[in-house]
PDB file of N, CA and C in Angstrom:
ATOM      1  N   PHE A   1     -47.627  29.552 -12.930  1.00  0.00           N
ATOM      2  CA  PHE A   1     -46.930  29.701 -11.675  1.00  0.00           C
ATOM      3  C   PHE A   1     -45.695  30.594 -11.841  1.00  0.00           C
ATOM      4  N   LEU A   2     -44.893  30.290 -12.866  1.00  0.00           N
ATOM      5  CA  LEU A   2     -43.685  31.084 -13.078  1.00  0.00           C
ATOM      6  C   LEU A   2     -44.018  32.529 -13.421  1.00  0.00           C
ATOM      7  N   LEU A   3     -45.059  32.710 -14.210  1.00  0.00           N
ATOM      8  CA  LEU A   3     -45.453  34.073 -14.556  1.00  0.00           C
ATOM      9  C   LEU A   3     -45.930  34.827 -13.330  1.00  0.00           C
ATOM     10  N   ASN A   4     -46.644  34.155 -12.438  1.00  0.00           N
ATOM     11  CA  ASN A   4     -47.075  34.800 -11.202  1.00  0.00           C
ATOM     12  C   ASN A   4     -45.861  35.188 -10.353  1.00  0.00           C
ATOM     13  N   CYS A   5     -44.855  34.340 -10.317  1.00  0.00           N
ATOM     14  CA  CYS A   5     -43.637  34.671  -9.571  1.00  0.00           C
ATOM     15  C   CYS A   5     -42.951  35.896 -10.175  1.00  0.00           C
ATOM     16  N   LEU A   6     -42.858  35.920 -11.500  1.00  0.00           N
ATOM     17  CA  LEU A   6     -42.168  37.024 -12.168  1.00  0.00           C
ATOM     18  C   LEU A   6     -42.906  38.344 -12.015  1.00  0.00           C
ATOM     19  N   GLN A   7     -44.236  38.306 -11.841  1.00  0.00           N
ATOM     20  CA  GLN A   7     -45.020  39.527 -11.700  1.00  0.00           C
ATOM     21  C   GLN A   7     -45.115  39.998 -10.257  1.00  0.00           C
ATOM     22  N   HIS A   8     -44.693  39.189  -9.300  1.00  0.00           N
ATOM     23  CA  HIS A   8     -44.820  39.537  -7.892  1.00  0.00           C
ATOM     24  C   HIS A   8     -43.876  40.699  -7.544  1.00  0.00           C
ATOM     25  N   PRO A   9     -44.356  41.704  -6.787  1.00  0.00           N
ATOM     26  CA  PRO A   9     -43.517  42.869  -6.472  1.00  0.00           C
ATOM     27  C   PRO A   9     -42.248  42.525  -5.691  1.00  0.00           C
ATOM     28  N   GLU A  10     -42.323  41.582  -4.767  1.00  0.00           N
ATOM     29  CA  GLU A  10     -41.136  41.203  -4.001  1.00  0.00           C
ATOM     30  C   GLU A  10     -40.083  40.566  -4.907  1.00  0.00           C
ATOM     31  N   PHE A  11     -40.549  39.752  -5.852  1.00  0.00           N
ATOM     32  CA  PHE A  11     -39.625  39.101  -6.780  1.00  0.00           C
ATOM     33  C   PHE A  11     -38.975  40.136  -7.688  1.00  0.00           C
ATOM     34  N   LYS A  12     -39.767  41.088  -8.170  1.00  0.00           N
ATOM     35  CA  LYS A  12     -39.231  42.149  -9.026  1.00  0.00           C
ATOM     36  C   LYS A  12     -38.193  42.985  -8.290  1.00  0.00           C
ATOM     37  N   ALA A  13     -38.419  43.194  -6.997  1.00  0.00           N
ATOM     38  CA  ALA A  13     -37.480  43.982  -6.208  1.00  0.00           C
ATOM     39  C   ALA A  13     -36.241  43.190  -5.816  1.00  0.00           C
ATOM     40  N   GLY A  14     -36.289  41.873  -5.994  1.00  0.00           N
ATOM     41  CA  GLY A  14     -35.156  41.026  -5.644  1.00  0.00           C
ATOM     42  C   GLY A  14     -35.062  40.743  -4.162  1.00  0.00           C
ATOM     43  N   ALA A  15     -36.147  40.945  -3.445  1.00  0.00           N
ATOM     44  CA  ALA A  15     -36.145  40.741  -1.992  1.00  0.00           C
ATOM     45  C   ALA A  15     -36.828  39.433  -1.629  1.00  0.00           C
ATOM     46  N   VAL A  16     -36.390  38.330  -2.232  1.00  0.00           N
ATOM     47  CA  VAL A  16     -37.005  37.037  -1.946  1.00  0.00           C
ATOM     48  C   VAL A  16     -35.998  36.134  -1.258  1.00  0.00           C
ATOM     49  N   THR A  17     -36.533  35.192  -0.507  1.00  0.00           N
ATOM     50  CA  THR A  17     -35.707  34.198   0.166  1.00  0.00           C
ATOM     51  C   THR A  17     -36.134  32.825  -0.310  1.00  0.00           C
ATOM     52  N   THR A  18     -35.554  31.803   0.273  1.00  0.00           N
ATOM     53  CA  THR A  18     -35.906  30.434  -0.120  1.00  0.00           C
ATOM     54  C   THR A  18     -37.319  30.059   0.311  1.00  0.00           C
ATOM     55  N   SER A  19     -37.917  30.818   1.209  1.00  0.00           N
ATOM     56  CA  SER A  19     -39.288  30.534   1.649  1.00  0.00           C
ATOM     57  C   SER A  19     -40.308  31.402   0.915  1.00  0.00           C
ATOM     58  N   PHE A  20     -39.912  32.013  -0.206  1.00  0.00           N
ATOM     59  CA  PHE A  20     -40.782  32.906  -0.965  1.00  0.00           C
ATOM     60  C   PHE A  20     -42.068  32.215  -1.405  1.00  0.00           C
ATOM     61  N   ILE A  21     -41.975  31.007  -1.905  1.00  0.00           N
ATOM     62  CA  ILE A  21     -43.158  30.295  -2.399  1.00  0.00           C
ATOM     63  C   ILE A  21     -44.054  29.887  -1.233  1.00  0.00           C
ATOM     64  N   ASP A  22     -43.465  29.465  -0.124  1.00  0.00           N
ATOM     65  CA  ASP A  22     -44.266  29.087   1.045  1.00  0.00           C
ATOM     66  C   ASP A  22     -44.994  30.291   1.631  1.00  0.00           C
ATOM     67  N   GLU A  23     -44.368  31.442   1.599  1.00  0.00           N
ATOM     68  CA  GLU A  23     -44.989  32.648   2.152  1.00  0.00           C
ATOM     69  C   GLU A  23     -46.041  33.256   1.226  1.00  0.00           C
ATOM     70  N   ASN A  24     -46.051  32.846  -0.046  1.00  0.00           N
ATOM     71  CA  ASN A  24     -46.996  33.389  -1.027  1.00  0.00           C
ATOM     72  C   ASN A  24     -47.724  32.259  -1.752  1.00  0.00           C
ATOM     73  N   PRO A  25     -48.678  31.602  -1.086  1.00  0.00           N
ATOM     74  CA  PRO A  25     -49.370  30.483  -1.732  1.00  0.00           C
ATOM     75  C   PRO A  25     -50.233  30.914  -2.918  1.00  0.00           C
ATOM     76  N   GLN A  26     -50.562  32.211  -3.008  1.00  0.00           N
ATOM     77  CA  GLN A  26     -51.376  32.673  -4.129  1.00  0.00           C
ATOM     78  C   GLN A  26     -50.623  32.563  -5.454  1.00  0.00           C
ATOM     79  N   LEU A  27     -49.326  32.354  -5.411  1.00  0.00           N
ATOM     80  CA  LEU A  27     -48.557  32.197  -6.646  1.00  0.00           C
ATOM     81  C   LEU A  27     -48.977  30.954  -7.415  1.00  0.00           C
ATOM     82  N   LYS A  28     -49.466  29.961  -6.686  1.00  0.00           N
ATOM     83  CA  LYS A  28     -49.847  28.698  -7.317  1.00  0.00           C
ATOM     84  C   LYS A  28     -51.218  28.752  -7.972  1.00  0.00           C
ATOM     85  N   GLU A  29     -51.980  29.816  -7.723  1.00  0.00           N
ATOM     86  CA  GLU A  29     -53.319  29.939  -8.299  1.00  0.00           C
ATOM     87  C   GLU A  29     -53.210  30.586  -9.672  1.00  0.00           C
ATOM     88  N   THR A  30     -53.495  29.790 -10.702  1.00  0.00           N
ATOM     89  CA  THR A  30     -53.373  30.309 -12.059  1.00  0.00           C
ATOM     90  C   THR A  30     -54.693  30.328 -12.812  1.00  0.00           C
ATOM     91  N   ALA A  31     -55.756  29.783 -12.252  1.00  0.00           N
ATOM     92  CA  ALA A  31     -57.009  29.668 -12.977  1.00  0.00           C
ATOM     93  C   ALA A  31     -57.604  31.018 -13.361  1.00  0.00           C
ATOM     94  N   SER A  32     -57.460  32.013 -12.522  1.00  0.00           N
ATOM     95  CA  SER A  32     -58.070  33.308 -12.814  1.00  0.00           C
ATOM     96  C   SER A  32     -57.031  34.397 -13.051  1.00  0.00           C
ATOM     97  N   SER A  33     -55.797  34.011 -13.245  1.00  0.00           N
ATOM     98  CA  SER A  33     -54.741  35.000 -13.433  1.00  0.00           C
ATOM     99  C   SER A  33     -54.722  35.501 -14.868  1.00  0.00           C
ATOM    100  N   TYR A  34     -54.505  36.785 -15.011  1.00  0.00           N
ATOM    101  CA  TYR A  34     -54.301  37.372 -16.327  1.00  0.00           C
ATOM    102  C   TYR A  34     -52.981  38.114 -16.284  1.00  0.00           C
ATOM    103  N   TRP A  35     -52.148  37.858 -17.248  1.00  0.00           N
ATOM    104  CA  TRP A  35     -50.809  38.398 -17.230  1.00  0.00           C
ATOM    105  C   TRP A  35     -50.678  39.498 -18.259  1.00  0.00           C
ATOM    106  N   ASP A  36     -49.736  40.361 -18.058  1.00  0.00           N
ATOM    107  CA  ASP A  36     -49.514  41.497 -18.928  1.00  0.00           C
ATOM    108  C   ASP A  36     -48.611  41.076 -20.088  1.00  0.00           C
ATOM    109  N   PHE A  37     -49.239  40.690 -21.191  1.00  0.00           N
ATOM    110  CA  PHE A  37     -48.505  40.284 -22.379  1.00  0.00           C
ATOM    111  C   PHE A  37     -48.798  41.254 -23.509  1.00  0.00           C
ATOM    112  N   ALA A  38     -47.935  41.266 -24.488  1.00  0.00           N
ATOM    113  CA  ALA A  38     -48.166  42.107 -25.658  1.00  0.00           C
ATOM    114  C   ALA A  38     -49.342  41.572 -26.471  1.00  0.00           C
ATOM    115  N   ASN A  39     -49.534  40.275 -26.446  1.00  0.00           N
ATOM    116  CA  ASN A  39     -50.590  39.647 -27.217  1.00  0.00           C
ATOM    117  C   ASN A  39     -51.754  39.310 -26.285  1.00  0.00           C
ATOM    118  N   GLU A  40     -52.942  39.755 -26.624  1.00  0.00           N
ATOM    119  CA  GLU A  40     -54.121  39.504 -25.787  1.00  0.00           C
ATOM    120  C   GLU A  40     -54.427  38.016 -25.688  1.00  0.00           C
ATOM    121  N   TYR A  41     -54.135  37.259 -26.759  1.00  0.00           N
ATOM    122  CA  TYR A  41     -54.395  35.824 -26.768  1.00  0.00           C
ATOM    123  C   TYR A  41     -53.570  35.109 -25.704  1.00  0.00           C
ATOM    124  N   GLN A  42     -52.339  35.567 -25.476  1.00  0.00           N
ATOM    125  CA  GLN A  42     -51.465  34.922 -24.503  1.00  0.00           C
ATOM    126  C   GLN A  42     -51.838  35.269 -23.072  1.00  0.00           C
ATOM    127  N   ALA A  43     -52.598  36.324 -22.866  1.00  0.00           N
ATOM    128  CA  ALA A  43     -52.939  36.756 -21.516  1.00  0.00           C
ATOM    129  C   ALA A  43     -54.030  35.905 -20.883  1.00  0.00           C
ATOM    130  N   ASP A  44     -54.812  35.213 -21.675  1.00  0.00           N
ATOM    131  CA  ASP A  44     -55.916  34.408 -21.159  1.00  0.00           C
ATOM    132  C   ASP A  44     -55.428  32.977 -20.922  1.00  0.00           C
ATOM    133  N   PRO A  45     -55.367  32.528 -19.667  1.00  0.00           N
ATOM    134  CA  PRO A  45     -54.841  31.183 -19.400  1.00  0.00           C
ATOM    135  C   PRO A  45     -55.681  30.071 -20.007  1.00  0.00           C
ATOM    136  N   ARG A  46     -56.990  30.309 -20.213  1.00  0.00           N
ATOM    137  CA  ARG A  46     -57.814  29.264 -20.841  1.00  0.00           C
ATOM    138  C   ARG A  46     -57.362  29.010 -22.270  1.00  0.00           C
ATOM    139  N   LYS A  47     -57.020  30.069 -22.983  1.00  0.00           N
ATOM    140  CA  LYS A  47     -56.546  29.905 -24.357  1.00  0.00           C
ATOM    141  C   LYS A  47     -55.161  29.274 -24.381  1.00  0.00           C
ATOM    142  N   VAL A  48     -54.319  29.672 -23.443  1.00  0.00           N
ATOM    143  CA  VAL A  48     -52.984  29.084 -23.361  1.00  0.00           C
ATOM    144  C   VAL A  48     -53.104  27.598 -23.050  1.00  0.00           C
ATOM    145  N   ASN A  49     -54.000  27.230 -22.140  1.00  0.00           N
ATOM    146  CA  ASN A  49     -54.186  25.821 -21.796  1.00  0.00           C
ATOM    147  C   ASN A  49     -54.715  25.028 -22.975  1.00  0.00           C
ATOM    148  N   ALA A  50     -55.564  25.645 -23.802  1.00  0.00           N
ATOM    149  CA  ALA A  50     -56.071  24.957 -24.988  1.00  0.00           C
ATOM    150  C   ALA A  50     -54.929  24.669 -25.962  1.00  0.00           C
ATOM    151  N   VAL A  51     -54.040  25.626 -26.135  1.00  0.00           N
ATOM    152  CA  VAL A  51     -52.893  25.424 -27.015  1.00  0.00           C
ATOM    153  C   VAL A  51     -51.963  24.363 -26.434  1.00  0.00           C
ATOM    154  N   GLU A  52     -51.786  24.378 -25.118  1.00  0.00           N
ATOM    155  CA  GLU A  52     -50.931  23.382 -24.478  1.00  0.00           C
ATOM    156  C   GLU A  52     -51.517  21.977 -24.652  1.00  0.00           C
ATOM    157  N   ARG A  53     -52.833  21.842 -24.523  1.00  0.00           N
ATOM    158  CA  ARG A  53     -53.466  20.531 -24.733  1.00  0.00           C
ATOM    159  C   ARG A  53     -53.253  20.054 -26.168  1.00  0.00           C
ATOM    160  N   LEU A  54     -53.367  20.964 -27.127  1.00  0.00           N
ATOM    161  CA  LEU A  54     -53.151  20.604 -28.523  1.00  0.00           C
ATOM    162  C   LEU A  54     -51.708  20.152 -28.748  1.00  0.00           C
ATOM    163  N   LEU A  55     -50.754  20.866 -28.164  1.00  0.00           N
ATOM    164  CA  LEU A  55     -49.352  20.480 -28.315  1.00  0.00           C
ATOM    165  C   LEU A  55     -49.071  19.132 -27.670  1.00  0.00           C
ATOM    166  N   ARG A  56     -49.695  18.881 -26.513  1.00  0.00           N
ATOM    167  CA  ARG A  56     -49.511  17.575 -25.863  1.00  0.00           C
ATOM    168  C   ARG A  56     -50.079  16.449 -26.724  1.00  0.00           C
ATOM    169  N   TYR A  57     -51.230  16.712 -27.363  1.00  0.00           N
ATOM    170  CA  TYR A  57     -51.841  15.714 -28.251  1.00  0.00           C
ATOM    171  C   TYR A  57     -50.925  15.430 -29.440  1.00  0.00           C
ATOM    172  N   LEU A  58     -50.400  16.495 -30.052  1.00  0.00           N
ATOM    173  CA  LEU A  58     -49.516  16.307 -31.202  1.00  0.00           C
ATOM    174  C   LEU A  58     -48.232  15.585 -30.805  1.00  0.00           C
ATOM    175  N   ALA A  59     -47.704  15.898 -29.621  1.00  0.00           N
ATOM    176  CA  ALA A  59     -46.511  15.207 -29.144  1.00  0.00           C
ATOM    177  C   ALA A  59     -46.809  13.733 -28.895  1.00  0.00           C
ATOM    178  N   ASN A  60     -47.979  13.446 -28.354  1.00  0.00           N
ATOM    179  CA  ASN A  60     -48.381  12.063 -28.127  1.00  0.00           C
ATOM    180  C   ASN A  60     -48.481  11.313 -29.451  1.00  0.00           C
ATOM    181  N   LEU A  61     -49.045  11.967 -30.476  1.00  0.00           N
ATOM    182  CA  LEU A  61     -49.131  11.333 -31.789  1.00  0.00           C
ATOM    183  C   LEU A  61     -47.744  11.076 -32.365  1.00  0.00           C
ATOM    184  N   ALA A  62     -46.837  12.029 -32.189  1.00  0.00           N
ATOM    185  CA  ALA A  62     -45.489  11.872 -32.728  1.00  0.00           C
ATOM    186  C   ALA A  62     -44.753  10.719 -32.067  1.00  0.00           C
ATOM    187  N   VAL A  63     -44.975  10.526 -30.766  1.00  0.00           N
ATOM    188  CA  VAL A  63     -44.255   9.484 -30.040  1.00  0.00           C
ATOM    189  C   VAL A  63     -44.951   8.134 -30.164  1.00  0.00           C
ATOM    190  N   ASN A  64     -46.270   8.102 -29.957  1.00  0.00           N
ATOM    191  CA  ASN A  64     -46.995   6.832 -29.865  1.00  0.00           C
ATOM    192  C   ASN A  64     -47.730   6.443 -31.140  1.00  0.00           C
ATOM    193  N   GLY A  65     -47.833   7.345 -32.101  1.00  0.00           N
ATOM    194  CA  GLY A  65     -48.560   7.036 -33.325  1.00  0.00           C
ATOM    195  C   GLY A  65     -50.042   7.310 -33.162  1.00  0.00           C
ATOM    196  N   HIS A  66     -50.781   7.116 -34.252  1.00  0.00           N
ATOM    197  CA  HIS A  66     -52.222   7.377 -34.240  1.00  0.00           C
ATOM    198  C   HIS A  66     -52.957   6.253 -33.523  1.00  0.00           C
ATOM    199  N   PRO A  67     -53.881   6.593 -32.632  1.00  0.00           N
ATOM    200  CA  PRO A  67     -54.630   5.543 -31.938  1.00  0.00           C
ATOM    201  C   PRO A  67     -55.645   4.893 -32.870  1.00  0.00           C
ATOM    202  N   SER A  68     -55.695   3.583 -32.825  1.00  0.00           N
ATOM    203  CA  SER A  68     -56.644   2.874 -33.687  1.00  0.00           C
ATOM    204  C   SER A  68     -58.079   3.092 -33.235  1.00  0.00           C
ATOM    205  N   SER A  69     -58.286   3.554 -32.008  1.00  0.00           N
ATOM    206  CA  SER A  69     -59.640   3.810 -31.525  1.00  0.00           C
ATOM    207  C   SER A  69     -60.308   4.975 -32.261  1.00  0.00           C
ATOM    208  N   LEU A  70     -59.521   5.799 -32.957  1.00  0.00           N
ATOM    209  CA  LEU A  70     -60.088   6.898 -33.724  1.00  0.00           C
ATOM    210  C   LEU A  70     -60.434   6.489 -35.146  1.00  0.00           C
ATOM    211  N   GLY A  71     -60.289   5.229 -35.452  1.00  0.00           N
ATOM    212  CA  GLY A  71     -60.650   4.733 -36.773  1.00  0.00           C
ATOM    213  C   GLY A  71     -59.566   4.943 -37.811  1.00  0.00           C
ATOM    214  N   VAL A  72     -58.331   4.920 -37.401  1.00  0.00           N
ATOM    215  CA  VAL A  72     -57.220   5.125 -38.314  1.00  0.00           C
ATOM    216  C   VAL A  72     -56.959   3.838 -39.089  1.00  0.00           C
ATOM    217  N   ASP A  73     -56.821   3.963 -40.394  1.00  0.00           N
ATOM    218  CA  ASP A  73     -56.465   2.821 -41.227  1.00  0.00           C
ATOM    219  C   ASP A  73     -54.956   2.672 -41.181  1.00  0.00           C
ATOM    220  N   THR A  74     -54.470   1.672 -40.465  1.00  0.00           N
ATOM    221  CA  THR A  74     -53.032   1.513 -40.283  1.00  0.00           C
ATOM    222  C   THR A  74     -52.326   1.179 -41.586  1.00  0.00           C
ATOM    223  N   ALA A  75     -53.048   0.677 -42.590  1.00  0.00           N
ATOM    224  CA  ALA A  75     -52.415   0.375 -43.871  1.00  0.00           C
ATOM    225  C   ALA A  75     -52.021   1.660 -44.595  1.00  0.00           C
ATOM    226  N   LYS A  76     -52.742   2.757 -44.332  1.00  0.00           N
ATOM    227  CA  LYS A  76     -52.432   4.025 -44.989  1.00  0.00           C
ATOM    228  C   LYS A  76     -51.314   4.785 -44.289  1.00  0.00           C
ATOM    229  N   LEU A  77     -51.047   4.420 -43.051  1.00  0.00           N
ATOM    230  CA  LEU A  77     -49.979   5.078 -42.323  1.00  0.00           C
ATOM    231  C   LEU A  77     -48.649   4.457 -42.695  1.00  0.00           C
ATOM    232  N   GLY A  78     -47.668   5.264 -42.875  1.00  0.00           N
ATOM    233  CA  GLY A  78     -46.333   4.757 -43.151  1.00  0.00           C
ATOM    234  C   GLY A  78     -45.684   4.288 -41.868  1.00  0.00           C
ATOM    235  N   THR A  79     -44.614   3.586 -41.999  1.00  0.00           N
ATOM    236  CA  THR A  79     -43.899   3.138 -40.802  1.00  0.00           C
ATOM    237  C   THR A  79     -43.086   4.262 -40.205  1.00  0.00           C
ATOM    238  N   GLY A  80     -42.820   5.293 -41.003  1.00  0.00           N
ATOM    239  CA  GLY A  80     -42.032   6.401 -40.502  1.00  0.00           C
ATOM    240  C   GLY A  80     -40.541   6.151 -40.570  1.00  0.00           C
ATOM    241  N   ILE A  81     -40.165   4.970 -41.027  1.00  0.00           N
ATOM    242  CA  ILE A  81     -38.756   4.616 -41.110  1.00  0.00           C
ATOM    243  C   ILE A  81     -38.285   4.832 -42.547  1.00  0.00           C
ATOM    244  N   THR A  82     -37.240   5.603 -42.704  1.00  0.00           N
ATOM    245  CA  THR A  82     -36.693   5.809 -44.037  1.00  0.00           C
ATOM    246  C   THR A  82     -35.425   4.992 -44.176  1.00  0.00           C
ATOM    247  N   THR A  83     -35.291   4.382 -45.333  1.00  0.00           N
ATOM    248  CA  THR A  83     -34.102   3.562 -45.582  1.00  0.00           C
ATOM    249  C   THR A  83     -33.142   4.260 -46.520  1.00  0.00           C
ATOM    250  N   SER A  84     -33.433   5.494 -46.893  1.00  0.00           N
ATOM    251  CA  SER A  84     -32.591   6.198 -47.850  1.00  0.00           C
ATOM    252  C   SER A  84     -31.483   6.995 -47.180  1.00  0.00           C
ATOM    253  N   VAL A  85     -31.267   6.789 -45.917  1.00  0.00           N
ATOM    254  CA  VAL A  85     -30.225   7.514 -45.207  1.00  0.00           C
ATOM    255  C   VAL A  85     -28.891   6.819 -45.458  1.00  0.00           C
ATOM    256  N   ALA A  86     -27.933   7.598 -45.921  1.00  0.00           N
ATOM    257  CA  ALA A  86     -26.611   7.042 -46.207  1.00  0.00           C
ATOM    258  C   ALA A  86     -25.884   6.736 -44.906  1.00  0.00           C
ATOM    259  N   PRO A  87     -25.087   5.682 -44.877  1.00  0.00           N
ATOM    260  CA  PRO A  87     -24.327   5.392 -43.659  1.00  0.00           C
ATOM    261  C   PRO A  87     -23.283   6.483 -43.429  1.00  0.00           C
ATOM    262  N   PRO A  88     -22.917   6.712 -42.197  1.00  0.00           N
ATOM    263  CA  PRO A  88     -21.954   7.775 -41.913  1.00  0.00           C
ATOM    264  C   PRO A  88     -20.565   7.418 -42.442  1.00  0.00           C
ATOM    265  N   ARG A  89     -19.852   8.453 -42.871  1.00  0.00           N
ATOM    266  CA  ARG A  89     -18.477   8.244 -43.324  1.00  0.00           C
ATOM    267  C   ARG A  89     -17.550   8.421 -42.127  1.00  0.00           C
ATOM    268  N   ILE A  90     -16.769   7.416 -41.870  1.00  0.00           N
ATOM    269  CA  ILE A  90     -15.839   7.467 -40.748  1.00  0.00           C
ATOM    270  C   ILE A  90     -14.429   7.520 -41.325  1.00  0.00           C
ATOM    271  N   SER A  91     -13.753   8.610 -41.066  1.00  0.00           N
ATOM    272  CA  SER A  91     -12.394   8.742 -41.581  1.00  0.00           C
ATOM    273  C   SER A  91     -11.416   8.190 -40.554  1.00  0.00           C
ATOM    274  N   THR A  92     -10.368   7.614 -41.054  1.00  0.00           N
ATOM    275  CA  THR A  92      -9.336   7.098 -40.165  1.00  0.00           C
ATOM    276  C   THR A  92      -8.201   8.112 -40.123  1.00  0.00           C
ATOM    277  N   VAL A  93      -7.776   8.453 -38.947  1.00  0.00           N
ATOM    278  CA  VAL A  93      -6.698   9.400 -38.757  1.00  0.00           C
ATOM    279  C   VAL A  93      -5.525   8.646 -38.130  1.00  0.00           C
ATOM    280  N   GLU A  94      -4.444   8.670 -38.817  1.00  0.00           N
ATOM    281  CA  GLU A  94      -3.248   7.997 -38.315  1.00  0.00           C
ATOM    282  C   GLU A  94      -2.460   8.984 -37.453  1.00  0.00           C
ATOM    283  N   PRO A  95      -1.894   8.542 -36.349  1.00  0.00           N
ATOM    284  CA  PRO A  95      -1.079   9.449 -35.538  1.00  0.00           C
ATOM    285  C   PRO A  95       0.154   9.899 -36.326  1.00  0.00           C
ATOM    286  N   LYS A  96       0.586  11.130 -36.101  1.00  0.00           N
ATOM    287  CA  LYS A  96       1.724  11.689 -36.826  1.00  0.00           C
ATOM    288  C   LYS A  96       3.012  10.955 -36.486  1.00  0.00           C
ATOM    289  N   SER A  97       3.189  10.668 -35.227  1.00  0.00           N
ATOM    290  CA  SER A  97       4.363   9.901 -34.815  1.00  0.00           C
ATOM    291  C   SER A  97       4.043   9.198 -33.511  1.00  0.00           C
ATOM    292  N   SER A  98       4.899   8.313 -33.123  1.00  0.00           N
ATOM    293  CA  SER A  98       4.661   7.579 -31.891  1.00  0.00           C
ATOM    294  C   SER A  98       4.867   8.453 -30.668  1.00  0.00           C
ATOM    295  N   GLU A  99       5.578   9.577 -30.826  1.00  0.00           N
ATOM    296  CA  GLU A  99       5.837  10.467 -29.704  1.00  0.00           C
ATOM    297  C   GLU A  99       4.629  11.345 -29.370  1.00  0.00           C
ATOM    298  N   SER A 100       3.772  11.634 -30.331  1.00  0.00           N
ATOM    299  CA  SER A 100       2.634  12.524 -30.070  1.00  0.00           C
ATOM    300  C   SER A 100       1.399  11.714 -29.686  1.00  0.00           C
ATOM    301  N   ARG A 101       1.489  11.000 -28.598  1.00  0.00           N
ATOM    302  CA  ARG A 101       0.393  10.134 -28.177  1.00  0.00           C
ATOM    303  C   ARG A 101      -0.496  10.775 -27.139  1.00  0.00           C
ATOM    304  N   GLY A 102      -0.168  11.954 -26.620  1.00  0.00           N
ATOM    305  CA  GLY A 102      -1.055  12.630 -25.696  1.00  0.00           C
ATOM    306  C   GLY A 102      -0.423  12.873 -24.341  1.00  0.00           C
ATOM    307  N   MET A 103      -1.200  13.552 -23.509  1.00  0.00           N
ATOM    308  CA  MET A 103      -0.713  13.955 -22.191  1.00  0.00           C
ATOM    309  C   MET A 103      -0.490  12.762 -21.269  1.00  0.00           C
ATOM    310  N   ARG A 104      -1.310  11.734 -21.384  1.00  0.00           N
ATOM    311  CA  ARG A 104      -1.132  10.559 -20.523  1.00  0.00           C
ATOM    312  C   ARG A 104       0.204   9.890 -20.806  1.00  0.00           C
ATOM    313  N   HIS A 105       0.529   9.831 -22.067  1.00  0.00           N
ATOM    314  CA  HIS A 105       1.816   9.224 -22.446  1.00  0.00           C
ATOM    315  C   HIS A 105       2.984  10.012 -21.865  1.00  0.00           C
ATOM    316  N   ILE A 106       2.904  11.356 -21.914  1.00  0.00           N
ATOM    317  CA  ILE A 106       3.953  12.199 -21.343  1.00  0.00           C
ATOM    318  C   ILE A 106       4.031  12.000 -19.834  1.00  0.00           C
ATOM    319  N   LEU A 107       2.877  11.921 -19.171  1.00  0.00           N
ATOM    320  CA  LEU A 107       2.852  11.715 -17.727  1.00  0.00           C
ATOM    321  C   LEU A 107       3.499  10.388 -17.342  1.00  0.00           C
ATOM    322  N   LEU A 108       3.179   9.330 -18.087  1.00  0.00           N
ATOM    323  CA  LEU A 108       3.751   8.032 -17.770  1.00  0.00           C
ATOM    324  C   LEU A 108       5.235   7.986 -18.073  1.00  0.00           C
ATOM    325  N   LYS A 109       5.639   8.684 -19.125  1.00  0.00           N
ATOM    326  CA  LYS A 109       7.047   8.644 -19.540  1.00  0.00           C
ATOM    327  C   LYS A 109       7.944   9.514 -18.646  1.00  0.00           C
ATOM    328  N   GLU A 110       7.486  10.751 -18.327  1.00  0.00           N
ATOM    329  CA  GLU A 110       8.327  11.691 -17.613  1.00  0.00           C
ATOM    330  C   GLU A 110       7.925  11.878 -16.158  1.00  0.00           C
ATOM    331  N   GLY A 111       6.781  11.407 -15.765  1.00  0.00           N
ATOM    332  CA  GLY A 111       6.329  11.552 -14.388  1.00  0.00           C
ATOM    333  C   GLY A 111       5.670  12.907 -14.145  1.00  0.00           C
ATOM    334  N   PRO A 112       5.146  13.132 -12.931  1.00  0.00           N
ATOM    335  CA  PRO A 112       4.441  14.376 -12.626  1.00  0.00           C
ATOM    336  C   PRO A 112       5.342  15.614 -12.702  1.00  0.00           C
ATOM    337  N   ALA A 113       6.635  15.483 -12.449  1.00  0.00           N
ATOM    338  CA  ALA A 113       7.513  16.648 -12.480  1.00  0.00           C
ATOM    339  C   ALA A 113       7.850  17.048 -13.918  1.00  0.00           C
ATOM    340  N   GLY A 114       7.724  16.157 -14.885  1.00  0.00           N
ATOM    341  CA  GLY A 114       8.124  16.430 -16.254  1.00  0.00           C
ATOM    342  C   GLY A 114       7.113  17.208 -16.969  1.00  0.00           C
TER     343      GLY A 114
END
């Protein structure tokens, strides 16, 4: 859809309004669209959709884990949790003096005119 919008002559000329999509319903048709890309593989939407399906599958595996319906042996899968991560170091910073407490302190002490 976005590629169709970017290739449209009115969009390229910058002569579009907020009703551009409503006036051009063909922008939503992507099944037979071929775009002008440097790579021939990227120009075919069927190939792009195949790659997108693969990425969605891999993302699903990363988030939800391997489905047991595919015959995955859960004993061979790790938990994915590592315990070798060191706890964060938190440094304590002491204020330089009681007078340098910030803008709120100055506002309360001297008022808006100060």
